[in-house]
C-alpha atoms as a PDB file:
ATOM      1  CA  MET A   1      -0.378   0.213  -0.202  1.00  0.00           C
ATOM      2  CA  PRO A   2       1.576   3.778  -1.316  1.00  0.00           C
ATOM      3  CA  ASP A   3       2.273   5.698   2.407  1.00  0.00           C
ATOM      4  CA  SER A   4      -0.498   7.936   0.766  1.00  0.00           C
ATOM      5  CA  ASP A   5      -2.669   5.806   0.915  1.00  0.00           C
ATOM      6  CA  LEU A   6      -1.664   4.253   4.077  1.00  0.00           C
ATOM      7  CA  ALA A   7      -2.182   8.292   5.684  1.00  0.00           C
ATOM      8  CA  ALA A   8      -5.644   8.716   4.016  1.00  0.00           C
ATOM      9  CA  TYR A   9      -6.436   4.880   5.575  1.00  0.00           C
ATOM     10  CA  LEU A  10      -4.999   6.275   9.385  1.00  0.00           C
ATOM     11  CA  ASP A  11      -6.837  10.111   8.529  1.00  0.00           C
ATOM     12  CA  ALA A  12     -10.229   8.304   8.539  1.00  0.00           C
ATOM     13  CA  VAL A  13     -10.038   5.896  11.090  1.00  0.00           C
ATOM     14  CA  ALA A  14      -8.791   7.203  13.711  1.00  0.00           C
ATOM     15  CA  PRO A  15     -11.788   9.582  14.273  1.00  0.00           C
ATOM     16  CA  LEU A  16     -13.596   6.983  14.155  1.00  0.00           C
ATOM     17  CA  GLN A  17     -11.606   5.328  17.157  1.00  0.00           C
ATOM     18  CA  GLY A  18     -12.445   8.081  19.146  1.00  0.00           C
ATOM     19  CA  LEU A  19      -8.771   9.801  17.695  1.00  0.00           C
ATOM     20  CA  SER A  20      -8.114  13.289  17.875  1.00  0.00           C
ATOM     21  CA  LEU A  21      -4.118  13.178  17.261  1.00  0.00           C
ATOM     22  CA  THR A  22      -1.809  15.462  16.914  1.00  0.00           C
ATOM     23  CA  PRO A  23       0.897  16.279  14.188  1.00  0.00           C
ATOM     24  CA  GLU A  24       3.614  14.001  16.014  1.00  0.00           C
ATOM     25  CA  GLN A  25       0.923  11.498  17.317  1.00  0.00           C
ATOM     26  CA  ARG A  26       0.401  11.409  13.484  1.00  0.00           C
ATOM     27  CA  ALA A  27       2.814  11.314  12.285  1.00  0.00           C
ATOM     28  CA  ALA A  28       4.383   8.422  15.048  1.00  0.00           C
ATOM     29  CA  ALA A  29       1.142   6.513  14.011  1.00  0.00           C
ATOM     30  CA  LEU A  30       2.091   7.029   9.980  1.00  0.00           C
ATOM     31  CA  LEU A  31       5.480   5.356  10.633  1.00  0.00           C
ATOM     32  CA  ASN A  32       3.612   2.438  12.970  1.00  0.00           C
ATOM     33  CA  LEU A  33       1.861   1.562   9.708  1.00  0.00           C
ATOM     34  CA  GLU A  34       4.842   1.820   7.367  1.00  0.00           C
ATOM     35  CA  ARG A  35       7.166  -0.865   9.740  1.00  0.00           C
ATOM     36  CA  PHE A  36       3.597  -2.672   9.684  1.00  0.00           C
ATOM     37  CA  ALA A  37       2.847  -3.313   6.205  1.00  0.00           C
ATOM     38  CA  ALA A  38       6.696  -3.562   5.246  1.00  0.00           C
ATOM     39  CA  ILE A  39       6.676  -6.511   7.711  1.00  0.00           C
ATOM     40  CA  ALA A  40       3.633  -7.817   6.467  1.00  0.00           C
ATOM     41  CA  ALA A  41       4.647  -7.464   2.576  1.00  0.00           C
ATOM     42  CA  SER A  42       6.727  -9.983   3.386  1.00  0.00           C
ATOM     43  CA  PHE A  43       4.657 -13.016   4.175  1.00  0.00           C
ATOM     44  CA  VAL A  44       2.490 -12.058   0.942  1.00  0.00           C
ATOM     45  CA  ASP A  45       4.551 -13.890  -1.201  1.00  0.00           C
ATOM     46  CA  LEU A  46       5.064 -16.964   1.191  1.00  0.00           C
ATOM     47  CA  PRO A  47       4.362 -20.410  -0.086  1.00  0.00           C
ATOM     48  CA  LEU A  48       2.145 -22.674   1.444  1.00  0.00           C
ATOM     49  CA  ALA A  49       0.028 -26.072   1.018  1.00  0.00           C
ATOM     50  CA  VAL A  50      -3.197 -26.413   1.076  1.00  0.00           C
ATOM     51  CA  ASP A  51      -2.537 -29.143   3.937  1.00  0.00           C
ATOM     52  CA  ASP A  52       0.398 -27.082   5.932  1.00  0.00           C
ATOM     53  CA  GLU A  53      -1.276 -26.252   9.725  1.00  0.00           C
ATOM     54  CA  PRO A  54      -2.046 -22.447  11.918  1.00  0.00           C
ATOM     55  CA  ILE A  55       0.804 -23.204  15.003  1.00  0.00           C
ATOM     56  CA  LEU A  56      -0.233 -23.582  17.448  1.00  0.00           C
ATOM     57  CA  VAL A  57      -0.808 -20.926  20.388  1.00  0.00           C
ATOM     58  CA  GLN A  58       1.418 -21.511  23.987  1.00  0.00           C
ATOM     59  CA  ARG A  59       0.678 -19.858  26.504  1.00  0.00           C
ATOM     60  CA  LEU A  60       2.451 -19.892  29.479  1.00  0.00           C
END
């Protein structure tokens, strides 16, 4: 997702969550969204077989 789309997404959803972000908070939130998008992109092309199972959640 282009950075401009992430900014538009942030501007659209923040008020829906009841958030009023200062410019500094908006910049930090946008940076986090950009980082999340970069991490998620590394999984998009991950090959999965039909019989691959999700990992079990381990709780301590």
